[in-house]
Amino acid sequence: MRDYNVSRGVALRVFGVLQKQGVAEPVPGGRWKVLRPGQSIDRRSLAQRLEDVITDDDLTIGARFPSTTELSVRFGVSRPTVTKALVKLESAGLLSEAHQGKQRTVQALPKRTESPKS
């Protein structure tokens, strides 16, 4: 807003119009994200997307899970946000607990359920 010398109200109205056009979406923290052409939106929780890291990266039981820093860069979120999602995976038994100097490892593979084809 400072760069373009517009008020917060004007910026919010602009993002409202962009949202109706499908070009922008609100993100947690009162911010907005502009969507690039061809960019898909994954509306699943971060914990669900982190669960996919195990299968997407072909991790096996005992394999080193990426660090919170690596994951925060990969998903474009803050490290505390990643940590909260990782705690959910730890409580589900998919990952080991992280301790200082010791990285998380995969303890179980996520169960995949295929939806019946109609």
PDB file of N, CA and C in Angstrom:
ATOM      1  N   MET A   1       0.822  -1.175   0.000  1.00  0.00           N
ATOM      2  CA  MET A   1       0.000   0.000   0.000  1.00  0.00           C
ATOM      3  C   MET A   1       0.876   1.252   0.000  1.00  0.00           C
ATOM      4  N   ARG A   2       1.997   1.153   0.729  1.00  0.00           N
ATOM      5  CA  ARG A   2       2.909   2.310   0.743  1.00  0.00           C
ATOM      6  C   ARG A   2       3.537   2.523  -0.626  1.00  0.00           C
ATOM      7  N   ASP A   3       3.872   1.417  -1.298  1.00  0.00           N
ATOM      8  CA  ASP A   3       4.532   1.531  -2.597  1.00  0.00           C
ATOM      9  C   ASP A   3       3.658   2.254  -3.624  1.00  0.00           C
ATOM     10  N   TYR A   4       2.339   2.022  -3.555  1.00  0.00           N
ATOM     11  CA  TYR A   4       1.429   2.591  -4.550  1.00  0.00           C
ATOM     12  C   TYR A   4       0.566   3.718  -3.983  1.00  0.00           C
ATOM     13  N   ASN A   5       0.822   4.086  -2.724  1.00  0.00           N
ATOM     14  CA  ASN A   5       0.141   5.202  -2.084  1.00  0.00           C
ATOM     15  C   ASN A   5      -1.380   5.050  -2.134  1.00  0.00           C
ATOM     16  N   VAL A   6      -1.876   3.857  -1.747  1.00  0.00           N
ATOM     17  CA  VAL A   6      -3.319   3.633  -1.669  1.00  0.00           C
ATOM     18  C   VAL A   6      -3.670   3.217  -0.242  1.00  0.00           C
ATOM     19  N   SER A   7      -4.927   3.461   0.107  1.00  0.00           N
ATOM     20  CA  SER A   7      -5.366   3.112   1.460  1.00  0.00           C
ATOM     21  C   SER A   7      -5.636   1.614   1.559  1.00  0.00           C
ATOM     22  N   ARG A   8      -5.754   1.146   2.799  1.00  0.00           N
ATOM     23  CA  ARG A   8      -6.046  -0.265   3.044  1.00  0.00           C
ATOM     24  C   ARG A   8      -7.406  -0.635   2.453  1.00  0.00           C
ATOM     25  N   GLY A   9      -8.375   0.263   2.580  1.00  0.00           N
ATOM     26  CA  GLY A   9      -9.712   0.013   2.043  1.00  0.00           C
ATOM     27  C   GLY A   9      -9.701  -0.205   0.541  1.00  0.00           C
ATOM     28  N   VAL A  10      -8.935   0.612  -0.164  1.00  0.00           N
ATOM     29  CA  VAL A  10      -8.829   0.462  -1.623  1.00  0.00           C
ATOM     30  C   VAL A  10      -8.188  -0.881  -1.965  1.00  0.00           C
ATOM     31  N   ALA A  11      -7.126  -1.229  -1.247  1.00  0.00           N
ATOM     32  CA  ALA A  11      -6.450  -2.500  -1.503  1.00  0.00           C
ATOM     33  C   ALA A  11      -7.396  -3.675  -1.251  1.00  0.00           C
ATOM     34  N   LEU A  12      -8.180  -3.618  -0.188  1.00  0.00           N
ATOM     35  CA  LEU A  12      -9.129  -4.695   0.119  1.00  0.00           C
ATOM     36  C   LEU A  12     -10.215  -4.806  -0.949  1.00  0.00           C
ATOM     37  N   ARG A  13     -10.692  -3.681  -1.437  1.00  0.00           N
ATOM     38  CA  ARG A  13     -11.704  -3.718  -2.510  1.00  0.00           C
ATOM     39  C   ARG A  13     -11.121  -4.326  -3.781  1.00  0.00           C
ATOM     40  N   VAL A  14      -9.885  -3.982  -4.084  1.00  0.00           N
ATOM     41  CA  VAL A  14      -9.226  -4.539  -5.268  1.00  0.00           C
ATOM     42  C   VAL A  14      -9.088  -6.051  -5.134  1.00  0.00           C
ATOM     43  N   PHE A  15      -8.640  -6.514  -3.959  1.00  0.00           N
ATOM     44  CA  PHE A  15      -8.503  -7.958  -3.767  1.00  0.00           C
ATOM     45  C   PHE A  15      -9.864  -8.652  -3.780  1.00  0.00           C
ATOM     46  N   GLY A  16     -10.917  -7.970  -3.328  1.00  0.00           N
ATOM     47  CA  GLY A  16     -12.263  -8.533  -3.404  1.00  0.00           C
ATOM     48  C   GLY A  16     -12.678  -8.775  -4.840  1.00  0.00           C
ATOM     49  N   VAL A  17     -12.379  -7.822  -5.709  1.00  0.00           N
ATOM     50  CA  VAL A  17     -12.691  -7.977  -7.139  1.00  0.00           C
ATOM     51  C   VAL A  17     -11.846  -9.097  -7.736  1.00  0.00           C
ATOM     52  N   LEU A  18     -10.568  -9.131  -7.389  1.00  0.00           N
ATOM     53  CA  LEU A  18      -9.685 -10.186  -7.903  1.00  0.00           C
ATOM     54  C   LEU A  18     -10.135 -11.564  -7.429  1.00  0.00           C
ATOM     55  N   GLN A  19     -10.664 -11.632  -6.199  1.00  0.00           N
ATOM     56  CA  GLN A  19     -11.156 -12.915  -5.686  1.00  0.00           C
ATOM     57  C   GLN A  19     -12.369 -13.378  -6.492  1.00  0.00           C
ATOM     58  N   LYS A  20     -13.275 -12.470  -6.810  1.00  0.00           N
ATOM     59  CA  LYS A  20     -14.454 -12.827  -7.616  1.00  0.00           C
ATOM     60  C   LYS A  20     -14.044 -13.329  -8.994  1.00  0.00           C
ATOM     61  N   GLN A  21     -12.951 -12.795  -9.517  1.00  0.00           N
ATOM     62  CA  GLN A  21     -12.456 -13.212 -10.830  1.00  0.00           C
ATOM     63  C   GLN A  21     -11.618 -14.486 -10.748  1.00  0.00           C
ATOM     64  N   GLY A  22     -11.354 -14.958  -9.525  1.00  0.00           N
ATOM     65  CA  GLY A  22     -10.566 -16.172  -9.347  1.00  0.00           C
ATOM     66  C   GLY A  22      -9.074 -15.964  -9.493  1.00  0.00           C
ATOM     67  N   VAL A  23      -8.636 -14.727  -9.327  1.00  0.00           N
ATOM     68  CA  VAL A  23      -7.225 -14.408  -9.505  1.00  0.00           C
ATOM     69  C   VAL A  23      -6.495 -14.271  -8.170  1.00  0.00           C
ATOM     70  N   ALA A  24      -7.241 -14.113  -7.066  1.00  0.00           N
ATOM     71  CA  ALA A  24      -6.629 -13.961  -5.753  1.00  0.00           C
ATOM     72  C   ALA A  24      -7.473 -14.711  -4.730  1.00  0.00           C
ATOM     73  N   GLU A  25      -6.835 -15.053  -3.616  1.00  0.00           N
ATOM     74  CA  GLU A  25      -7.562 -15.700  -2.525  1.00  0.00           C
ATOM     75  C   GLU A  25      -6.980 -15.243  -1.201  1.00  0.00           C
ATOM     76  N   PRO A  26      -7.828 -15.171  -0.162  1.00  0.00           N
ATOM     77  CA  PRO A  26      -7.308 -14.807   1.158  1.00  0.00           C
ATOM     78  C   PRO A  26      -6.539 -15.981   1.754  1.00  0.00           C
ATOM     79  N   VAL A  27      -5.524 -15.666   2.525  1.00  0.00           N
ATOM     80  CA  VAL A  27      -4.747 -16.682   3.228  1.00  0.00           C
ATOM     81  C   VAL A  27      -4.739 -16.319   4.708  1.00  0.00           C
ATOM     82  N   PRO A  28      -4.460 -17.284   5.588  1.00  0.00           N
ATOM     83  CA  PRO A  28      -4.463 -16.994   7.024  1.00  0.00           C
ATOM     84  C   PRO A  28      -3.557 -15.819   7.369  1.00  0.00           C
ATOM     85  N   GLY A  29      -3.974 -15.062   8.358  1.00  0.00           N
ATOM     86  CA  GLY A  29      -3.178 -13.927   8.795  1.00  0.00           C
ATOM     87  C   GLY A  29      -3.635 -12.619   8.178  1.00  0.00           C
ATOM     88  N   GLY A  30      -4.797 -12.620   7.526  1.00  0.00           N
ATOM     89  CA  GLY A  30      -5.322 -11.390   6.941  1.00  0.00           C
ATOM     90  C   GLY A  30      -4.579 -10.936   5.704  1.00  0.00           C
ATOM     91  N   ARG A  31      -3.934 -11.861   5.017  1.00  0.00           N
ATOM     92  CA  ARG A  31      -3.188 -11.519   3.807  1.00  0.00           C
ATOM     93  C   ARG A  31      -3.883 -12.081   2.584  1.00  0.00           C
ATOM     94  N   TRP A  32      -3.378 -11.721   1.436  1.00  0.00           N
ATOM     95  CA  TRP A  32      -3.935 -12.184   0.168  1.00  0.00           C
ATOM     96  C   TRP A  32      -2.846 -12.801  -0.677  1.00  0.00           C
ATOM     97  N   LYS A  33      -3.242 -13.735  -1.504  1.00  0.00           N
ATOM     98  CA  LYS A  33      -2.298 -14.404  -2.394  1.00  0.00           C
ATOM     99  C   LYS A  33      -2.827 -14.276  -3.815  1.00  0.00           C
ATOM    100  N   VAL A  34      -1.992 -13.754  -4.704  1.00  0.00           N
ATOM    101  CA  VAL A  34      -2.369 -13.650  -6.110  1.00  0.00           C
ATOM    102  C   VAL A  34      -2.019 -14.975  -6.779  1.00  0.00           C
ATOM    103  N   LEU A  35      -2.977 -15.527  -7.508  1.00  0.00           N
ATOM    104  CA  LEU A  35      -2.779 -16.809  -8.173  1.00  0.00           C
ATOM    105  C   LEU A  35      -2.261 -16.583  -9.587  1.00  0.00           C
ATOM    106  N   ARG A  36      -1.236 -17.290  -9.925  1.00  0.00           N
ATOM    107  CA  ARG A  36      -0.650 -17.194 -11.256  1.00  0.00           C
ATOM    108  C   ARG A  36      -1.453 -18.055 -12.230  1.00  0.00           C
ATOM    109  N   PRO A  37      -1.456 -17.722 -13.504  1.00  0.00           N
ATOM    110  CA  PRO A  37      -2.178 -18.547 -14.475  1.00  0.00           C
ATOM    111  C   PRO A  37      -1.693 -19.990 -14.430  1.00  0.00           C
ATOM    112  N   GLY A  38      -2.637 -20.921 -14.396  1.00  0.00           N
ATOM    113  CA  GLY A  38      -2.298 -22.339 -14.372  1.00  0.00           C
ATOM    114  C   GLY A  38      -1.942 -22.868 -12.999  1.00  0.00           C
ATOM    115  N   GLN A  39      -1.928 -22.006 -11.992  1.00  0.00           N
ATOM    116  CA  GLN A  39      -1.581 -22.430 -10.640  1.00  0.00           C
ATOM    117  C   GLN A  39      -2.815 -23.058  -9.994  1.00  0.00           C
ATOM    118  N   SER A  40      -2.654 -24.247  -9.473  1.00  0.00           N
ATOM    119  CA  SER A  40      -3.781 -24.908  -8.831  1.00  0.00           C
ATOM    120  C   SER A  40      -3.788 -24.590  -7.339  1.00  0.00           C
ATOM    121  N   ILE A  41      -4.964 -24.665  -6.755  1.00  0.00           N
ATOM    122  CA  ILE A  41      -5.118 -24.362  -5.344  1.00  0.00           C
ATOM    123  C   ILE A  41      -5.361 -25.667  -4.601  1.00  0.00           C
ATOM    124  N   ASP A  42      -4.530 -25.939  -3.615  1.00  0.00           N
ATOM    125  CA  ASP A  42      -4.700 -27.129  -2.788  1.00  0.00           C
ATOM    126  C   ASP A  42      -5.333 -26.671  -1.485  1.00  0.00           C
ATOM    127  N   ARG A  43      -6.585 -26.995  -1.283  1.00  0.00           N
ATOM    128  CA  ARG A  43      -7.332 -26.517  -0.128  1.00  0.00           C
ATOM    129  C   ARG A  43      -7.249 -27.456   1.076  1.00  0.00           C
ATOM    130  N   ARG A  44      -6.457 -28.512   0.965  1.00  0.00           N
ATOM    131  CA  ARG A  44      -6.308 -29.427   2.097  1.00  0.00           C
ATOM    132  C   ARG A  44      -5.458 -28.783   3.180  1.00  0.00           C
ATOM    133  N   SER A  45      -5.563 -29.321   4.381  1.00  0.00           N
ATOM    134  CA  SER A  45      -4.763 -28.781   5.485  1.00  0.00           C
ATOM    135  C   SER A  45      -3.283 -29.061   5.240  1.00  0.00           C
ATOM    136  N   LEU A  46      -2.441 -28.306   5.900  1.00  0.00           N
ATOM    137  CA  LEU A  46      -0.998 -28.496   5.747  1.00  0.00           C
ATOM    138  C   LEU A  46      -0.593 -29.884   6.224  1.00  0.00           C
ATOM    139  N   ALA A  47      -1.231 -30.377   7.287  1.00  0.00           N
ATOM    140  CA  ALA A  47      -0.902 -31.716   7.790  1.00  0.00           C
ATOM    141  C   ALA A  47      -1.169 -32.774   6.720  1.00  0.00           C
ATOM    142  N   GLN A  48      -2.264 -32.629   5.981  1.00  0.00           N
ATOM    143  CA  GLN A  48      -2.566 -33.584   4.909  1.00  0.00           C
ATOM    144  C   GLN A  48      -1.545 -33.478   3.784  1.00  0.00           C
ATOM    145  N   ARG A  49      -1.131 -32.257   3.470  1.00  0.00           N
ATOM    146  CA  ARG A  49      -0.133 -32.094   2.413  1.00  0.00           C
ATOM    147  C   ARG A  49       1.231 -32.611   2.852  1.00  0.00           C
ATOM    148  N   LEU A  50       1.552 -32.465   4.145  1.00  0.00           N
ATOM    149  CA  LEU A  50       2.817 -33.006   4.646  1.00  0.00           C
ATOM    150  C   LEU A  50       2.794 -34.527   4.638  1.00  0.00           C
ATOM    151  N   GLU A  51       1.624 -35.098   4.853  1.00  0.00           N
ATOM    152  CA  GLU A  51       1.479 -36.545   4.784  1.00  0.00           C
ATOM    153  C   GLU A  51       1.825 -37.037   3.371  1.00  0.00           C
ATOM    154  N   ASP A  52       1.476 -36.242   2.374  1.00  0.00           N
ATOM    155  CA  ASP A  52       1.786 -36.594   0.981  1.00  0.00           C
ATOM    156  C   ASP A  52       3.281 -36.561   0.696  1.00  0.00           C
ATOM    157  N   VAL A  53       4.046 -35.812   1.493  1.00  0.00           N
ATOM    158  CA  VAL A  53       5.496 -35.755   1.297  1.00  0.00           C
ATOM    159  C   VAL A  53       6.084 -37.159   1.411  1.00  0.00           C
ATOM    160  N   ILE A  54       5.541 -37.952   2.315  1.00  0.00           N
ATOM    161  CA  ILE A  54       6.055 -39.311   2.519  1.00  0.00           C
ATOM    162  C   ILE A  54       5.935 -40.117   1.235  1.00  0.00           C
ATOM    163  N   THR A  55       4.767 -40.057   0.593  1.00  0.00           N
ATOM    164  CA  THR A  55       4.581 -40.835  -0.640  1.00  0.00           C
ATOM    165  C   THR A  55       5.226 -40.164  -1.847  1.00  0.00           C
ATOM    166  N   ASP A  56       5.115 -38.837  -1.933  1.00  0.00           N
ATOM    167  CA  ASP A  56       5.678 -38.118  -3.091  1.00  0.00           C
ATOM    168  C   ASP A  56       7.198 -38.233  -3.161  1.00  0.00           C
ATOM    169  N   ASP A  57       7.849 -38.232  -1.994  1.00  0.00           N
ATOM    170  CA  ASP A  57       9.310 -38.319  -1.961  1.00  0.00           C
ATOM    171  C   ASP A  57       9.795 -39.759  -1.819  1.00  0.00           C
ATOM    172  N   ASP A  58       8.869 -40.727  -1.913  1.00  0.00           N
ATOM    173  CA  ASP A  58       9.194 -42.155  -1.799  1.00  0.00           C
ATOM    174  C   ASP A  58       9.974 -42.465  -0.521  1.00  0.00           C
ATOM    175  N   LEU A  59       9.519 -41.899   0.597  1.00  0.00           N
ATOM    176  CA  LEU A  59      10.179 -42.161   1.875  1.00  0.00           C
ATOM    177  C   LEU A  59       9.707 -43.500   2.425  1.00  0.00           C
ATOM    178  N   THR A  60      10.595 -44.211   3.052  1.00  0.00           N
ATOM    179  CA  THR A  60      10.261 -45.492   3.660  1.00  0.00           C
ATOM    180  C   THR A  60      10.336 -45.356   5.175  1.00  0.00           C
ATOM    181  N   ILE A  61       9.895 -46.373   5.877  1.00  0.00           N
ATOM    182  CA  ILE A  61       9.953 -46.345   7.338  1.00  0.00           C
ATOM    183  C   ILE A  61      11.418 -46.241   7.762  1.00  0.00           C
ATOM    184  N   GLY A  62      11.692 -45.302   8.650  1.00  0.00           N
ATOM    185  CA  GLY A  62      13.050 -45.058   9.118  1.00  0.00           C
ATOM    186  C   GLY A  62      13.775 -43.974   8.337  1.00  0.00           C
ATOM    187  N   ALA A  63      13.187 -43.525   7.218  1.00  0.00           N
ATOM    188  CA  ALA A  63      13.829 -42.482   6.402  1.00  0.00           C
ATOM    189  C   ALA A  63      13.729 -41.131   7.103  1.00  0.00           C
ATOM    190  N   ARG A  64      14.700 -40.293   6.845  1.00  0.00           N
ATOM    191  CA  ARG A  64      14.747 -38.941   7.400  1.00  0.00           C
ATOM    192  C   ARG A  64      13.669 -38.095   6.738  1.00  0.00           C
ATOM    193  N   PHE A  65      12.842 -37.431   7.556  1.00  0.00           N
ATOM    194  CA  PHE A  65      11.799 -36.542   7.052  1.00  0.00           C
ATOM    195  C   PHE A  65      12.396 -35.151   6.888  1.00  0.00           C
ATOM    196  N   PRO A  66      12.007 -34.386   5.857  1.00  0.00           N
ATOM    197  CA  PRO A  66      12.579 -33.043   5.669  1.00  0.00           C
ATOM    198  C   PRO A  66      12.400 -32.162   6.907  1.00  0.00           C
ATOM    199  N   SER A  67      13.321 -31.235   7.089  1.00  0.00           N
ATOM    200  CA  SER A  67      13.295 -30.344   8.251  1.00  0.00           C
ATOM    201  C   SER A  67      12.176 -29.317   8.122  1.00  0.00           C
ATOM    202  N   THR A  68      11.866 -28.663   9.240  1.00  0.00           N
ATOM    203  CA  THR A  68      10.826 -27.633   9.213  1.00  0.00           C
ATOM    204  C   THR A  68      11.219 -26.488   8.282  1.00  0.00           C
ATOM    205  N   THR A  69      12.492 -26.169   8.231  1.00  0.00           N
ATOM    206  CA  THR A  69      12.949 -25.098   7.339  1.00  0.00           C
ATOM    207  C   THR A  69      12.729 -25.483   5.878  1.00  0.00           C
ATOM    208  N   GLU A  70      13.112 -26.713   5.511  1.00  0.00           N
ATOM    209  CA  GLU A  70      12.903 -27.182   4.139  1.00  0.00           C
ATOM    210  C   GLU A  70      11.421 -27.170   3.785  1.00  0.00           C
ATOM    211  N   LEU A  71      10.579 -27.629   4.709  1.00  0.00           N
ATOM    212  CA  LEU A  71       9.147 -27.702   4.450  1.00  0.00           C
ATOM    213  C   LEU A  71       8.515 -26.310   4.384  1.00  0.00           C
ATOM    214  N   SER A  72       8.985 -25.382   5.209  1.00  0.00           N
ATOM    215  CA  SER A  72       8.418 -24.032   5.172  1.00  0.00           C
ATOM    216  C   SER A  72       8.711 -23.362   3.835  1.00  0.00           C
ATOM    217  N   VAL A  73       9.888 -23.609   3.285  1.00  0.00           N
ATOM    218  CA  VAL A  73      10.224 -23.058   1.968  1.00  0.00           C
ATOM    219  C   VAL A  73       9.396 -23.754   0.886  1.00  0.00           C
ATOM    220  N   ARG A  74       9.291 -25.063   0.979  1.00  0.00           N
ATOM    221  CA  ARG A  74       8.566 -25.862  -0.019  1.00  0.00           C
ATOM    222  C   ARG A  74       7.083 -25.492  -0.101  1.00  0.00           C
ATOM    223  N   PHE A  75       6.451 -25.227   1.058  1.00  0.00           N
ATOM    224  CA  PHE A  75       5.020 -24.938   1.071  1.00  0.00           C
ATOM    225  C   PHE A  75       4.700 -23.455   1.226  1.00  0.00           C
ATOM    226  N   GLY A  76       5.710 -22.632   1.398  1.00  0.00           N
ATOM    227  CA  GLY A  76       5.495 -21.192   1.480  1.00  0.00           C
ATOM    228  C   GLY A  76       4.764 -20.747   2.742  1.00  0.00           C
ATOM    229  N   VAL A  77       5.052 -21.407   3.863  1.00  0.00           N
ATOM    230  CA  VAL A  77       4.444 -21.040   5.136  1.00  0.00           C
ATOM    231  C   VAL A  77       5.550 -20.874   6.176  1.00  0.00           C
ATOM    232  N   SER A  78       5.178 -20.356   7.342  1.00  0.00           N
ATOM    233  CA  SER A  78       6.186 -20.133   8.378  1.00  0.00           C
ATOM    234  C   SER A  78       6.574 -21.437   9.070  1.00  0.00           C
ATOM    235  N   ARG A  79       7.737 -21.423   9.709  1.00  0.00           N
ATOM    236  CA  ARG A  79       8.209 -22.616  10.424  1.00  0.00           C
ATOM    237  C   ARG A  79       7.288 -23.014  11.573  1.00  0.00           C
ATOM    238  N   PRO A  80       6.758 -22.052  12.368  1.00  0.00           N
ATOM    239  CA  PRO A  80       5.820 -22.456  13.416  1.00  0.00           C
ATOM    240  C   PRO A  80       4.559 -23.140  12.865  1.00  0.00           C
ATOM    241  N   THR A  81       4.101 -22.706  11.707  1.00  0.00           N
ATOM    242  CA  THR A  81       2.943 -23.338  11.078  1.00  0.00           C
ATOM    243  C   THR A  81       3.267 -24.775  10.696  1.00  0.00           C
ATOM    244  N   VAL A  82       4.458 -24.986  10.142  1.00  0.00           N
ATOM    245  CA  VAL A  82       4.894 -26.345   9.787  1.00  0.00           C
ATOM    246  C   VAL A  82       5.008 -27.198  11.048  1.00  0.00           C
ATOM    247  N   THR A  83       5.557 -26.631  12.115  1.00  0.00           N
ATOM    248  CA  THR A  83       5.724 -27.373  13.360  1.00  0.00           C
ATOM    249  C   THR A  83       4.381 -27.849  13.899  1.00  0.00           C
ATOM    250  N   LYS A  84       3.360 -27.000  13.854  1.00  0.00           N
ATOM    251  CA  LYS A  84       2.030 -27.388  14.328  1.00  0.00           C
ATOM    252  C   LYS A  84       1.484 -28.560  13.503  1.00  0.00           C
ATOM    253  N   ALA A  85       1.681 -28.515  12.196  1.00  0.00           N
ATOM    254  CA  ALA A  85       1.203 -29.600  11.337  1.00  0.00           C
ATOM    255  C   ALA A  85       1.990 -30.879  11.591  1.00  0.00           C
ATOM    256  N   LEU A  86       3.291 -30.759  11.834  1.00  0.00           N
ATOM    257  CA  LEU A  86       4.110 -31.940  12.114  1.00  0.00           C
ATOM    258  C   LEU A  86       3.710 -32.609  13.426  1.00  0.00           C
ATOM    259  N   VAL A  87       3.288 -31.818  14.406  1.00  0.00           N
ATOM    260  CA  VAL A  87       2.831 -32.383  15.677  1.00  0.00           C
ATOM    261  C   VAL A  87       1.621 -33.283  15.435  1.00  0.00           C
ATOM    262  N   LYS A  88       0.741 -32.892  14.517  1.00  0.00           N
ATOM    263  CA  LYS A  88      -0.419 -33.722  14.183  1.00  0.00           C
ATOM    264  C   LYS A  88       0.027 -35.058  13.587  1.00  0.00           C
ATOM    265  N   LEU A  89       1.055 -35.020  12.736  1.00  0.00           N
ATOM    266  CA  LEU A  89       1.555 -36.259  12.139  1.00  0.00           C
ATOM    267  C   LEU A  89       2.261 -37.122  13.183  1.00  0.00           C
ATOM    268  N   GLU A  90       2.914 -36.478  14.140  1.00  0.00           N
ATOM    269  CA  GLU A  90       3.560 -37.224  15.228  1.00  0.00           C
ATOM    270  C   GLU A  90       2.504 -37.928  16.073  1.00  0.00           C
ATOM    271  N   SER A  91       1.421 -37.208  16.399  1.00  0.00           N
ATOM    272  CA  SER A  91       0.375 -37.808  17.243  1.00  0.00           C
ATOM    273  C   SER A  91      -0.385 -38.909  16.497  1.00  0.00           C
ATOM    274  N   ALA A  92      -0.389 -38.849  15.162  1.00  0.00           N
ATOM    275  CA  ALA A  92      -1.023 -39.899  14.360  1.00  0.00           C
ATOM    276  C   ALA A  92      -0.100 -41.106  14.207  1.00  0.00           C
ATOM    277  N   GLY A  93       1.147 -40.972  14.675  1.00  0.00           N
ATOM    278  CA  GLY A  93       2.089 -42.085  14.624  1.00  0.00           C
ATOM    279  C   GLY A  93       2.840 -42.222  13.318  1.00  0.00           C
ATOM    280  N   LEU A  94       2.742 -41.214  12.447  1.00  0.00           N
ATOM    281  CA  LEU A  94       3.448 -41.282  11.164  1.00  0.00           C
ATOM    282  C   LEU A  94       4.909 -40.867  11.277  1.00  0.00           C
ATOM    283  N   LEU A  95       5.196 -39.948  12.199  1.00  0.00           N
ATOM    284  CA  LEU A  95       6.563 -39.432  12.348  1.00  0.00           C
ATOM    285  C   LEU A  95       7.037 -39.583  13.788  1.00  0.00           C
ATOM    286  N   SER A  96       8.365 -39.695  13.939  1.00  0.00           N
ATOM    287  CA  SER A  96       8.944 -39.698  15.281  1.00  0.00           C
ATOM    288  C   SER A  96       8.985 -38.259  15.788  1.00  0.00           C
ATOM    289  N   GLU A  97       9.111 -38.101  17.087  1.00  0.00           N
ATOM    290  CA  GLU A  97       9.221 -36.765  17.648  1.00  0.00           C
ATOM    291  C   GLU A  97      10.610 -36.208  17.349  1.00  0.00           C
ATOM    292  N   ALA A  98      10.652 -34.913  17.135  1.00  0.00           N
ATOM    293  CA  ALA A  98      11.942 -34.265  16.888  1.00  0.00           C
ATOM    294  C   ALA A  98      12.496 -33.754  18.208  1.00  0.00           C
ATOM    295  N   HIS A  99      13.771 -33.915  18.381  1.00  0.00           N
ATOM    296  CA  HIS A  99      14.475 -33.370  19.532  1.00  0.00           C
ATOM    297  C   HIS A  99      15.632 -32.563  18.979  1.00  0.00           C
ATOM    298  N   GLN A 100      16.138 -31.650  19.769  1.00  0.00           N
ATOM    299  CA  GLN A 100      17.228 -30.819  19.293  1.00  0.00           C
ATOM    300  C   GLN A 100      18.395 -31.704  18.869  1.00  0.00           C
ATOM    301  N   GLY A 101      18.827 -31.507  17.638  1.00  0.00           N
ATOM    302  CA  GLY A 101      19.940 -32.273  17.102  1.00  0.00           C
ATOM    303  C   GLY A 101      19.535 -33.607  16.499  1.00  0.00           C
ATOM    304  N   LYS A 102      18.262 -33.964  16.622  1.00  0.00           N
ATOM    305  CA  LYS A 102      17.788 -35.228  16.069  1.00  0.00           C
ATOM    306  C   LYS A 102      16.575 -34.947  15.194  1.00  0.00           C
ATOM    307  N   GLN A 103      16.663 -35.326  13.945  1.00  0.00           N
ATOM    308  CA  GLN A 103      15.603 -35.029  13.002  1.00  0.00           C
ATOM    309  C   GLN A 103      14.500 -36.080  13.027  1.00  0.00           C
ATOM    310  N   ARG A 104      13.322 -35.679  12.599  1.00  0.00           N
ATOM    311  CA  ARG A 104      12.186 -36.597  12.531  1.00  0.00           C
ATOM    312  C   ARG A 104      12.448 -37.687  11.502  1.00  0.00           C
ATOM    313  N   THR A 105      11.909 -38.879  11.774  1.00  0.00           N
ATOM    314  CA  THR A 105      11.969 -39.975  10.807  1.00  0.00           C
ATOM    315  C   THR A 105      10.559 -40.517  10.602  1.00  0.00           C
ATOM    316  N   VAL A 106      10.379 -41.196   9.494  1.00  0.00           N
ATOM    317  CA  VAL A 106       9.083 -41.793   9.173  1.00  0.00           C
ATOM    318  C   VAL A 106       8.922 -43.050  10.010  1.00  0.00           C
ATOM    319  N   GLN A 107       7.811 -43.148  10.744  1.00  0.00           N
ATOM    320  CA  GLN A 107       7.553 -44.333  11.568  1.00  0.00           C
ATOM    321  C   GLN A 107       6.493 -45.239  10.954  1.00  0.00           C
ATOM    322  N   ALA A 108       5.628 -44.676  10.123  1.00  0.00           N
ATOM    323  CA  ALA A 108       4.581 -45.467   9.477  1.00  0.00           C
ATOM    324  C   ALA A 108       4.210 -44.795   8.167  1.00  0.00           C
ATOM    325  N   LEU A 109       3.722 -45.574   7.238  1.00  0.00           N
ATOM    326  CA  LEU A 109       3.293 -45.026   5.955  1.00  0.00           C
ATOM    327  C   LEU A 109       1.815 -44.679   6.039  1.00  0.00           C
ATOM    328  N   PRO A 110       1.416 -43.563   5.413  1.00  0.00           N
ATOM    329  CA  PRO A 110       0.001 -43.176   5.473  1.00  0.00           C
ATOM    330  C   PRO A 110      -0.864 -44.199   4.744  1.00  0.00           C
ATOM    331  N   LYS A 111      -2.037 -44.435   5.295  1.00  0.00           N
ATOM    332  CA  LYS A 111      -2.985 -45.336   4.647  1.00  0.00           C
ATOM    333  C   LYS A 111      -3.735 -44.551   3.598  1.00  0.00           C
ATOM    334  N   ARG A 112      -3.799 -45.074   2.422  1.00  0.00           N
ATOM    335  CA  ARG A 112      -4.504 -44.418   1.326  1.00  0.00           C
ATOM    336  C   ARG A 112      -5.805 -45.155   1.072  1.00  0.00           C
ATOM    337  N   THR A 113      -6.871 -44.409   0.968  1.00  0.00           N
ATOM    338  CA  THR A 113      -8.147 -45.008   0.605  1.00  0.00           C
ATOM    339  C   THR A 113      -8.552 -44.457  -0.744  1.00  0.00           C
ATOM    340  N   GLU A 114      -8.816 -45.328  -1.638  1.00  0.00           N
ATOM    341  CA  GLU A 114      -9.245 -44.932  -2.969  1.00  0.00           C
ATOM    342  C   GLU A 114     -10.752 -44.753  -2.962  1.00  0.00           C
ATOM    343  N   SER A 115     -11.206 -43.667  -3.555  1.00  0.00           N
ATOM    344  CA  SER A 115     -12.650 -43.461  -3.627  1.00  0.00           C
ATOM    345  C   SER A 115     -13.199 -44.325  -4.758  1.00  0.00           C
ATOM    346  N   PRO A 116     -14.387 -44.906  -4.584  1.00  0.00           N
ATOM    347  CA  PRO A 116     -14.945 -45.742  -5.629  1.00  0.00           C
ATOM    348  C   PRO A 116     -15.249 -44.924  -6.866  1.00  0.00           C
ATOM    349  N   LYS A 117     -14.971 -45.491  -8.017  1.00  0.00           N
ATOM    350  CA  LYS A 117     -15.213 -44.783  -9.268  1.00  0.00           C
ATOM    351  C   LYS A 117     -16.682 -44.900  -9.628  1.00  0.00           C
ATOM    352  N   SER A 118     -17.254 -43.791 -10.005  1.00  0.00           N
ATOM    353  CA  SER A 118     -18.682 -43.795 -10.350  1.00  0.00           C
ATOM    354  C   SER A 118     -18.882 -44.017 -11.818  1.00  0.00           C
TER     355      SER A 118
END
